[in-house]
């Protein structure tokens, strides 16, 4: 995750999930939808940032929930607070 102060309000969020880390488009789209939902849950607190969520390591289908949990932890660290990360999806 890369974050910078937003150039304008509200901040933007981008997702980079390459074909090499998740070969199937269905899996990439599912991960992207889940990541969007975790970012949406953190609004409006993160609207002051421009954020890029970049998946660099291969994520098997079975580990999508784990990747989303890791993104929630990163968002919580960005905001400097603790968030319950074991929320149901």
PDB file of N, CA and C in Angstrom:
ATOM      1  N   UNK A   1       0.847  -1.164   0.000  1.00  0.00           N
ATOM      2  CA  UNK A   1       0.000   0.000   0.000  1.00  0.00           C
ATOM      3  C   UNK A   1       0.895   1.230   0.000  1.00  0.00           C
ATOM      4  N   UNK A   2       0.583   2.146  -0.885  1.00  0.00           N
ATOM      5  CA  UNK A   2       1.297   3.414  -0.978  1.00  0.00           C
ATOM      6  C   UNK A   2       0.288   4.511  -0.699  1.00  0.00           C
ATOM      7  N   UNK A   3       0.637   5.421   0.208  1.00  0.00           N
ATOM      8  CA  UNK A   3      -0.291   6.499   0.557  1.00  0.00           C
ATOM      9  C   UNK A   3       0.454   7.824   0.549  1.00  0.00           C
ATOM     10  N   UNK A   4      -0.242   8.858   0.113  1.00  0.00           N
ATOM     11  CA  UNK A   4       0.294  10.220   0.100  1.00  0.00           C
ATOM     12  C   UNK A   4      -0.858  11.164   0.419  1.00  0.00           C
ATOM     13  N   UNK A   5      -0.538  12.342   0.924  1.00  0.00           N
ATOM     14  CA  UNK A   5      -1.616  13.312   1.166  1.00  0.00           C
ATOM     15  C   UNK A   5      -2.362  13.600  -0.137  1.00  0.00           C
ATOM     16  N   UNK A   6      -3.661  13.705  -0.045  1.00  0.00           N
ATOM     17  CA  UNK A   6      -4.493  13.913  -1.236  1.00  0.00           C
ATOM     18  C   UNK A   6      -4.260  15.298  -1.817  1.00  0.00           C
ATOM     19  N   UNK A   7      -4.184  15.361  -3.138  1.00  0.00           N
ATOM     20  CA  UNK A   7      -4.031  16.635  -3.825  1.00  0.00           C
ATOM     21  C   UNK A   7      -5.326  17.433  -3.764  1.00  0.00           C
ATOM     22  N   UNK A   8      -6.441  16.741  -3.755  1.00  0.00           N
ATOM     23  CA  UNK A   8      -7.742  17.390  -3.644  1.00  0.00           C
ATOM     24  C   UNK A   8      -8.675  16.473  -2.868  1.00  0.00           C
ATOM     25  N   UNK A   9      -9.678  17.056  -2.242  1.00  0.00           N
ATOM     26  CA  UNK A   9     -10.635  16.262  -1.472  1.00  0.00           C
ATOM     27  C   UNK A   9     -11.736  15.747  -2.361  1.00  0.00           C
ATOM     28  N   UNK A  10     -12.251  14.583  -2.217  1.00  0.00           N
ATOM     29  CA  UNK A  10     -11.714  13.493  -1.403  1.00  0.00           C
ATOM     30  C   UNK A  10     -10.556  12.820  -2.116  1.00  0.00           C
ATOM     31  N   UNK A  11      -9.755  12.078  -1.366  1.00  0.00           N
ATOM     32  CA  UNK A  11      -8.623  11.358  -1.938  1.00  0.00           C
ATOM     33  C   UNK A  11      -9.078  10.225  -2.846  1.00  0.00           C
ATOM     34  N   UNK A  12      -8.154   9.765  -3.672  1.00  0.00           N
ATOM     35  CA  UNK A  12      -8.475   8.701  -4.619  1.00  0.00           C
ATOM     36  C   UNK A  12      -7.828   7.394  -4.176  1.00  0.00           C
ATOM     37  N   UNK A  13      -8.359   6.290  -4.676  1.00  0.00           N
ATOM     38  CA  UNK A  13      -7.812   4.975  -4.377  1.00  0.00           C
ATOM     39  C   UNK A  13      -7.665   4.221  -5.692  1.00  0.00           C
ATOM     40  N   UNK A  14      -6.488   3.612  -5.894  1.00  0.00           N
ATOM     41  CA  UNK A  14      -6.241   2.808  -7.085  1.00  0.00           C
ATOM     42  C   UNK A  14      -5.805   1.408  -6.680  1.00  0.00           C
ATOM     43  N   UNK A  15      -6.097   0.447  -7.535  1.00  0.00           N
ATOM     44  CA  UNK A  15      -5.785  -0.952  -7.253  1.00  0.00           C
ATOM     45  C   UNK A  15      -4.945  -1.501  -8.389  1.00  0.00           C
ATOM     46  N   UNK A  16      -3.817  -2.155  -8.043  1.00  0.00           N
ATOM     47  CA  UNK A  16      -2.941  -2.768  -9.038  1.00  0.00           C
ATOM     48  C   UNK A  16      -2.829  -4.248  -8.690  1.00  0.00           C
ATOM     49  N   UNK A  17      -3.453  -5.077  -9.524  1.00  0.00           N
ATOM     50  CA  UNK A  17      -3.412  -6.526  -9.329  1.00  0.00           C
ATOM     51  C   UNK A  17      -3.059  -7.133 -10.679  1.00  0.00           C
ATOM     52  N   UNK A  18      -1.824  -7.548 -10.820  1.00  0.00           N
ATOM     53  CA  UNK A  18      -1.341  -8.042 -12.103  1.00  0.00           C
ATOM     54  C   UNK A  18      -1.738  -9.475 -12.394  1.00  0.00           C
ATOM     55  N   UNK A  19      -1.624  -9.827 -13.664  1.00  0.00           N
ATOM     56  CA  UNK A  19      -1.972 -11.172 -14.109  1.00  0.00           C
ATOM     57  C   UNK A  19      -0.986 -12.210 -13.583  1.00  0.00           C
ATOM     58  N   UNK A  20       0.244 -11.794 -13.318  1.00  0.00           N
ATOM     59  CA  UNK A  20       1.230 -12.748 -12.814  1.00  0.00           C
ATOM     60  C   UNK A  20       0.928 -13.183 -11.383  1.00  0.00           C
ATOM     61  N   UNK A  21       0.354 -12.297 -10.576  1.00  0.00           N
ATOM     62  CA  UNK A  21       0.068 -12.665  -9.188  1.00  0.00           C
ATOM     63  C   UNK A  21      -1.260 -13.392  -9.049  1.00  0.00           C
ATOM     64  N   UNK A  22      -2.189 -13.140  -9.967  1.00  0.00           N
ATOM     65  CA  UNK A  22      -3.483 -13.841  -9.977  1.00  0.00           C
ATOM     66  C   UNK A  22      -3.875 -14.063 -11.441  1.00  0.00           C
ATOM     67  N   UNK A  23      -3.602 -15.239 -11.968  1.00  0.00           N
ATOM     68  CA  UNK A  23      -3.834 -15.476 -13.395  1.00  0.00           C
ATOM     69  C   UNK A  23      -5.293 -15.363 -13.842  1.00  0.00           C
ATOM     70  N   UNK A  24      -6.233 -15.733 -12.989  1.00  0.00           N
ATOM     71  CA  UNK A  24      -7.645 -15.721 -13.399  1.00  0.00           C
ATOM     72  C   UNK A  24      -8.283 -14.363 -13.139  1.00  0.00           C
ATOM     73  N   UNK A  25      -8.926 -13.807 -14.151  1.00  0.00           N
ATOM     74  CA  UNK A  25      -9.586 -12.509 -14.022  1.00  0.00           C
ATOM     75  C   UNK A  25     -10.683 -12.538 -12.966  1.00  0.00           C
ATOM     76  N   UNK A  26     -11.356 -13.672 -12.841  1.00  0.00           N
ATOM     77  CA  UNK A  26     -12.423 -13.804 -11.849  1.00  0.00           C
ATOM     78  C   UNK A  26     -11.868 -13.583 -10.447  1.00  0.00           C
ATOM     79  N   UNK A  27     -10.697 -14.162 -10.173  1.00  0.00           N
ATOM     80  CA  UNK A  27     -10.079 -14.021  -8.856  1.00  0.00           C
ATOM     81  C   UNK A  27      -9.580 -12.600  -8.628  1.00  0.00           C
ATOM     82  N   UNK A  28      -8.977 -11.990  -9.667  1.00  0.00           N
ATOM     83  CA  UNK A  28      -8.530 -10.595  -9.544  1.00  0.00           C
ATOM     84  C   UNK A  28      -9.707  -9.680  -9.246  1.00  0.00           C
ATOM     85  N   UNK A  29     -10.815  -9.882  -9.939  1.00  0.00           N
ATOM     86  CA  UNK A  29     -11.991  -9.035  -9.727  1.00  0.00           C
ATOM     87  C   UNK A  29     -12.588  -9.246  -8.338  1.00  0.00           C
ATOM     88  N   UNK A  30     -12.617 -10.484  -7.870  1.00  0.00           N
ATOM     89  CA  UNK A  30     -13.139 -10.752  -6.528  1.00  0.00           C
ATOM     90  C   UNK A  30     -12.271 -10.068  -5.483  1.00  0.00           C
ATOM     91  N   UNK A  31     -10.953 -10.173  -5.618  1.00  0.00           N
ATOM     92  CA  UNK A  31     -10.056  -9.514  -4.678  1.00  0.00           C
ATOM     93  C   UNK A  31     -10.248  -7.999  -4.731  1.00  0.00           C
ATOM     94  N   UNK A  32     -10.356  -7.453  -5.924  1.00  0.00           N
ATOM     95  CA  UNK A  32     -10.552  -6.003  -6.076  1.00  0.00           C
ATOM     96  C   UNK A  32     -11.856  -5.552  -5.401  1.00  0.00           C
ATOM     97  N   UNK A  33     -12.923  -6.312  -5.578  1.00  0.00           N
ATOM     98  CA  UNK A  33     -14.198  -5.962  -4.926  1.00  0.00           C
ATOM     99  C   UNK A  33     -14.074  -5.999  -3.405  1.00  0.00           C
ATOM    100  N   UNK A  34     -13.407  -7.018  -2.886  1.00  0.00           N
ATOM    101  CA  UNK A  34     -13.226  -7.125  -1.439  1.00  0.00           C
ATOM    102  C   UNK A  34     -12.353  -5.997  -0.902  1.00  0.00           C
ATOM    103  N   UNK A  35     -11.302  -5.643  -1.647  1.00  0.00           N
ATOM    104  CA  UNK A  35     -10.449  -4.532  -1.222  1.00  0.00           C
ATOM    105  C   UNK A  35     -11.217  -3.215  -1.246  1.00  0.00           C
ATOM    106  N   UNK A  36     -12.046  -3.021  -2.257  1.00  0.00           N
ATOM    107  CA  UNK A  36     -12.869  -1.802  -2.316  1.00  0.00           C
ATOM    108  C   UNK A  36     -13.774  -1.697  -1.106  1.00  0.00           C
ATOM    109  N   UNK A  37     -14.335  -2.819  -0.703  1.00  0.00           N
ATOM    110  CA  UNK A  37     -15.233  -2.811   0.443  1.00  0.00           C
ATOM    111  C   UNK A  37     -14.482  -2.462   1.726  1.00  0.00           C
ATOM    112  N   UNK A  38     -13.267  -2.963   1.890  1.00  0.00           N
ATOM    113  CA  UNK A  38     -12.502  -2.629   3.094  1.00  0.00           C
ATOM    114  C   UNK A  38     -12.111  -1.157   3.104  1.00  0.00           C
ATOM    115  N   UNK A  39     -11.823  -0.585   1.935  1.00  0.00           N
ATOM    116  CA  UNK A  39     -11.520   0.844   1.853  1.00  0.00           C
ATOM    117  C   UNK A  39     -12.781   1.657   2.116  1.00  0.00           C
ATOM    118  N   UNK A  40     -13.897   1.220   1.571  1.00  0.00           N
ATOM    119  CA  UNK A  40     -15.171   1.923   1.772  1.00  0.00           C
ATOM    120  C   UNK A  40     -15.542   1.960   3.252  1.00  0.00           C
ATOM    121  N   UNK A  41     -15.238   0.890   3.972  1.00  0.00           N
ATOM    122  CA  UNK A  41     -15.554   0.833   5.399  1.00  0.00           C
ATOM    123  C   UNK A  41     -14.711   1.821   6.207  1.00  0.00           C
ATOM    124  N   UNK A  42     -13.547   2.205   5.691  1.00  0.00           N
ATOM    125  CA  UNK A  42     -12.663   3.124   6.417  1.00  0.00           C
ATOM    126  C   UNK A  42     -12.952   4.591   6.102  1.00  0.00           C
ATOM    127  N   UNK A  43     -13.831   4.850   5.162  1.00  0.00           N
ATOM    128  CA  UNK A  43     -14.160   6.244   4.857  1.00  0.00           C
ATOM    129  C   UNK A  43     -15.043   6.803   5.947  1.00  0.00           C
ATOM    130  N   UNK A  44     -15.057   8.027   6.253  1.00  0.00           N
ATOM    131  CA  UNK A  44     -14.395   9.169   5.635  1.00  0.00           C
ATOM    132  C   UNK A  44     -12.998   9.437   6.176  1.00  0.00           C
ATOM    133  N   UNK A  45     -12.503   8.605   7.084  1.00  0.00           N
ATOM    134  CA  UNK A  45     -11.198   8.864   7.702  1.00  0.00           C
ATOM    135  C   UNK A  45     -10.046   8.871   6.698  1.00  0.00           C
ATOM    136  N   UNK A  46     -10.140   8.082   5.631  1.00  0.00           N
ATOM    137  CA  UNK A  46      -9.016   8.008   4.694  1.00  0.00           C
ATOM    138  C   UNK A  46      -9.158   8.965   3.509  1.00  0.00           C
ATOM    139  N   UNK A  47     -10.177   9.802   3.520  1.00  0.00           N
ATOM    140  CA  UNK A  47     -10.384  10.712   2.391  1.00  0.00           C
ATOM    141  C   UNK A  47      -9.297  11.761   2.265  1.00  0.00           C
ATOM    142  N   UNK A  48      -8.439  11.877   3.271  1.00  0.00           N
ATOM    143  CA  UNK A  48      -7.351  12.840   3.199  1.00  0.00           C
ATOM    144  C   UNK A  48      -6.118  12.278   2.481  1.00  0.00           C
ATOM    145  N   UNK A  49      -6.196  11.038   2.007  1.00  0.00           N
ATOM    146  CA  UNK A  49      -5.070  10.374   1.360  1.00  0.00           C
ATOM    147  C   UNK A  49      -5.415   9.943  -0.060  1.00  0.00           C
ATOM    148  N   UNK A  50      -4.391   9.934  -0.920  1.00  0.00           N
ATOM    149  CA  UNK A  50      -4.438   9.218  -2.190  1.00  0.00           C
ATOM    150  C   UNK A  50      -3.741   7.895  -1.913  1.00  0.00           C
ATOM    151  N   UNK A  51      -4.376   6.789  -2.254  1.00  0.00           N
ATOM    152  CA  UNK A  51      -3.861   5.474  -1.889  1.00  0.00           C
ATOM    153  C   UNK A  51      -3.765   4.584  -3.123  1.00  0.00           C
ATOM    154  N   UNK A  52      -2.673   3.829  -3.201  1.00  0.00           N
ATOM    155  CA  UNK A  52      -2.528   2.792  -4.221  1.00  0.00           C
ATOM    156  C   UNK A  52      -2.364   1.471  -3.481  1.00  0.00           C
ATOM    157  N   UNK A  53      -3.243   0.528  -3.755  1.00  0.00           N
ATOM    158  CA  UNK A  53      -3.158  -0.815  -3.179  1.00  0.00           C
ATOM    159  C   UNK A  53      -2.561  -1.697  -4.265  1.00  0.00           C
ATOM    160  N   UNK A  54      -1.359  -2.174  -4.010  1.00  0.00           N
ATOM    161  CA  UNK A  54      -0.635  -2.965  -5.010  1.00  0.00           C
ATOM    162  C   UNK A  54      -0.380  -4.361  -4.465  1.00  0.00           C
ATOM    163  N   UNK A  55      -0.838  -5.369  -5.183  1.00  0.00           N
ATOM    164  CA  UNK A  55      -0.623  -6.763  -4.788  1.00  0.00           C
ATOM    165  C   UNK A  55       0.647  -7.236  -5.491  1.00  0.00           C
ATOM    166  N   UNK A  56       1.642  -7.601  -4.705  1.00  0.00           N
ATOM    167  CA  UNK A  56       2.942  -7.958  -5.272  1.00  0.00           C
ATOM    168  C   UNK A  56       3.238  -9.451  -5.236  1.00  0.00           C
ATOM    169  N   UNK A  57       2.653 -10.157  -4.283  1.00  0.00           N
ATOM    170  CA  UNK A  57       2.898 -11.597  -4.156  1.00  0.00           C
ATOM    171  C   UNK A  57       1.698 -12.371  -4.661  1.00  0.00           C
ATOM    172  N   UNK A  58       1.916 -13.567  -5.183  1.00  0.00           N
ATOM    173  CA  UNK A  58       0.785 -14.390  -5.631  1.00  0.00           C
ATOM    174  C   UNK A  58      -0.205 -14.647  -4.489  1.00  0.00           C
ATOM    175  N   UNK A  59      -1.474 -14.521  -4.823  1.00  0.00           N
ATOM    176  CA  UNK A  59      -2.546 -14.750  -3.838  1.00  0.00           C
ATOM    177  C   UNK A  59      -3.415 -15.888  -4.366  1.00  0.00           C
ATOM    178  N   UNK A  60      -3.358 -17.053  -3.725  1.00  0.00           N
ATOM    179  CA  UNK A  60      -4.242 -18.134  -4.157  1.00  0.00           C
ATOM    180  C   UNK A  60      -5.693 -17.794  -3.826  1.00  0.00           C
ATOM    181  N   UNK A  61      -6.608 -18.417  -4.545  1.00  0.00           N
ATOM    182  CA  UNK A  61      -8.040 -18.185  -4.334  1.00  0.00           C
ATOM    183  C   UNK A  61      -8.449 -18.320  -2.881  1.00  0.00           C
ATOM    184  N   UNK A  62      -7.860 -19.301  -2.204  1.00  0.00           N
ATOM    185  CA  UNK A  62      -8.228 -19.574  -0.822  1.00  0.00           C
ATOM    186  C   UNK A  62      -7.737 -18.495   0.135  1.00  0.00           C
ATOM    187  N   UNK A  63      -6.798 -17.661  -0.286  1.00  0.00           N
ATOM    188  CA  UNK A  63      -6.190 -16.668   0.611  1.00  0.00           C
ATOM    189  C   UNK A  63      -6.700 -15.247   0.366  1.00  0.00           C
ATOM    190  N   UNK A  64      -7.774 -15.090  -0.380  1.00  0.00           N
ATOM    191  CA  UNK A  64      -8.299 -13.753  -0.648  1.00  0.00           C
ATOM    192  C   UNK A  64      -8.730 -13.079   0.652  1.00  0.00           C
ATOM    193  N   UNK A  65      -9.392 -13.796   1.532  1.00  0.00           N
ATOM    194  CA  UNK A  65      -9.825 -13.220   2.811  1.00  0.00           C
ATOM    195  C   UNK A  65      -8.628 -12.777   3.643  1.00  0.00           C
ATOM    196  N   UNK A  66      -7.550 -13.534   3.582  1.00  0.00           N
ATOM    197  CA  UNK A  66      -6.339 -13.176   4.320  1.00  0.00           C
ATOM    198  C   UNK A  66      -5.714 -11.895   3.750  1.00  0.00           C
ATOM    199  N   UNK A  67      -5.725 -11.744   2.432  1.00  0.00           N
ATOM    200  CA  UNK A  67      -5.197 -10.533   1.798  1.00  0.00           C
ATOM    201  C   UNK A  67      -6.034  -9.310   2.172  1.00  0.00           C
ATOM    202  N   UNK A  68      -7.344  -9.477   2.239  1.00  0.00           N
ATOM    203  CA  UNK A  68      -8.230  -8.378   2.636  1.00  0.00           C
ATOM    204  C   UNK A  68      -7.971  -7.997   4.090  1.00  0.00           C
ATOM    205  N   UNK A  69      -7.763  -8.993   4.939  1.00  0.00           N
ATOM    206  CA  UNK A  69      -7.456  -8.732   6.350  1.00  0.00           C
ATOM    207  C   UNK A  69      -6.153  -7.936   6.463  1.00  0.00           C
ATOM    208  N   UNK A  70      -5.164  -8.299   5.669  1.00  0.00           N
ATOM    209  CA  UNK A  70      -3.892  -7.569   5.680  1.00  0.00           C
ATOM    210  C   UNK A  70      -4.087  -6.127   5.215  1.00  0.00           C
ATOM    211  N   UNK A  71      -4.946  -5.905   4.229  1.00  0.00           N
ATOM    212  CA  UNK A  71      -5.187  -4.534   3.763  1.00  0.00           C
ATOM    213  C   UNK A  71      -5.880  -3.714   4.845  1.00  0.00           C
ATOM    214  N   UNK A  72      -6.793  -4.325   5.596  1.00  0.00           N
ATOM    215  CA  UNK A  72      -7.448  -3.613   6.710  1.00  0.00           C
ATOM    216  C   UNK A  72      -6.436  -3.221   7.764  1.00  0.00           C
ATOM    217  N   UNK A  73      -5.477  -4.110   8.035  1.00  0.00           N
ATOM    218  CA  UNK A  73      -4.434  -3.789   9.006  1.00  0.00           C
ATOM    219  C   UNK A  73      -3.579  -2.631   8.521  1.00  0.00           C
ATOM    220  N   UNK A  74      -3.259  -2.608   7.228  1.00  0.00           N
ATOM    221  CA  UNK A  74      -2.469  -1.504   6.671  1.00  0.00           C
ATOM    222  C   UNK A  74      -3.224  -0.182   6.747  1.00  0.00           C
ATOM    223  N   UNK A  75      -4.517  -0.222   6.478  1.00  0.00           N
ATOM    224  CA  UNK A  75      -5.333   0.991   6.568  1.00  0.00           C
ATOM    225  C   UNK A  75      -5.367   1.479   8.009  1.00  0.00           C
ATOM    226  N   UNK A  76      -5.490   0.550   8.957  1.00  0.00           N
ATOM    227  CA  UNK A  76      -5.507   0.921  10.369  1.00  0.00           C
ATOM    228  C   UNK A  76      -4.178   1.556  10.774  1.00  0.00           C
ATOM    229  N   UNK A  77      -3.060   0.999  10.292  1.00  0.00           N
ATOM    230  CA  UNK A  77      -1.753   1.592  10.591  1.00  0.00           C
ATOM    231  C   UNK A  77      -1.631   2.972   9.973  1.00  0.00           C
ATOM    232  N   UNK A  78      -2.155   3.135   8.773  1.00  0.00           N
ATOM    233  CA  UNK A  78      -2.121   4.439   8.104  1.00  0.00           C
ATOM    234  C   UNK A  78      -2.866   5.485   8.928  1.00  0.00           C
ATOM    235  N   UNK A  79      -3.984   5.090   9.476  1.00  0.00           N
ATOM    236  CA  UNK A  79      -4.793   6.016  10.267  1.00  0.00           C
ATOM    237  C   UNK A  79      -4.300   6.131  11.707  1.00  0.00           C
ATOM    238  N   UNK A  80      -3.373   5.258  12.097  1.00  0.00           N
ATOM    239  CA  UNK A  80      -2.816   5.317  13.435  1.00  0.00           C
ATOM    240  C   UNK A  80      -3.780   4.890  14.512  1.00  0.00           C
ATOM    241  N   UNK A  81      -4.581   3.887  14.218  1.00  0.00           N
ATOM    242  CA  UNK A  81      -5.538   3.411  15.215  1.00  0.00           C
ATOM    243  C   UNK A  81      -5.692   1.907  15.070  1.00  0.00           C
ATOM    244  N   UNK A  82      -6.336   1.320  16.050  1.00  0.00           N
ATOM    245  CA  UNK A  82      -6.584  -0.109  15.989  1.00  0.00           C
ATOM    246  C   UNK A  82      -8.009  -0.318  15.503  1.00  0.00           C
ATOM    247  N   UNK A  83      -8.158  -1.270  14.616  1.00  0.00           N
ATOM    248  CA  UNK A  83      -9.457  -1.589  14.031  1.00  0.00           C
ATOM    249  C   UNK A  83      -9.655  -3.082  14.155  1.00  0.00           C
ATOM    250  N   UNK A  84     -10.869  -3.511  14.435  1.00  0.00           N
ATOM    251  CA  UNK A  84     -11.154  -4.937  14.466  1.00  0.00           C
ATOM    252  C   UNK A  84     -11.033  -5.479  13.065  1.00  0.00           C
ATOM    253  N   UNK A  85     -10.039  -6.336  12.835  1.00  0.00           N
ATOM    254  CA  UNK A  85      -9.782  -6.828  11.486  1.00  0.00           C
ATOM    255  C   UNK A  85     -10.464  -8.150  11.196  1.00  0.00           C
ATOM    256  N   UNK A  86     -11.061  -8.771  12.164  1.00  0.00           N
ATOM    257  CA  UNK A  86     -11.732 -10.049  11.929  1.00  0.00           C
ATOM    258  C   UNK A  86     -13.214  -9.865  11.692  1.00  0.00           C
ATOM    259  N   UNK A  87     -13.587  -8.809  10.990  1.00  0.00           N
ATOM    260  CA  UNK A  87     -14.983  -8.570  10.683  1.00  0.00           C
ATOM    261  C   UNK A  87     -15.418  -9.494   9.561  1.00  0.00           C
ATOM    262  N   UNK A  88     -16.648 -10.000   9.599  1.00  0.00           N
ATOM    263  CA  UNK A  88     -17.115 -10.867   8.514  1.00  0.00           C
ATOM    264  C   UNK A  88     -17.229 -10.073   7.222  1.00  0.00           C
ATOM    265  N   UNK A  89     -17.093 -10.782   6.110  1.00  0.00           N
ATOM    266  CA  UNK A  89     -17.141 -10.111   4.799  1.00  0.00           C
ATOM    267  C   UNK A  89     -18.486 -10.234   4.175  1.00  0.00           C
TER     268      UNK A  89
END
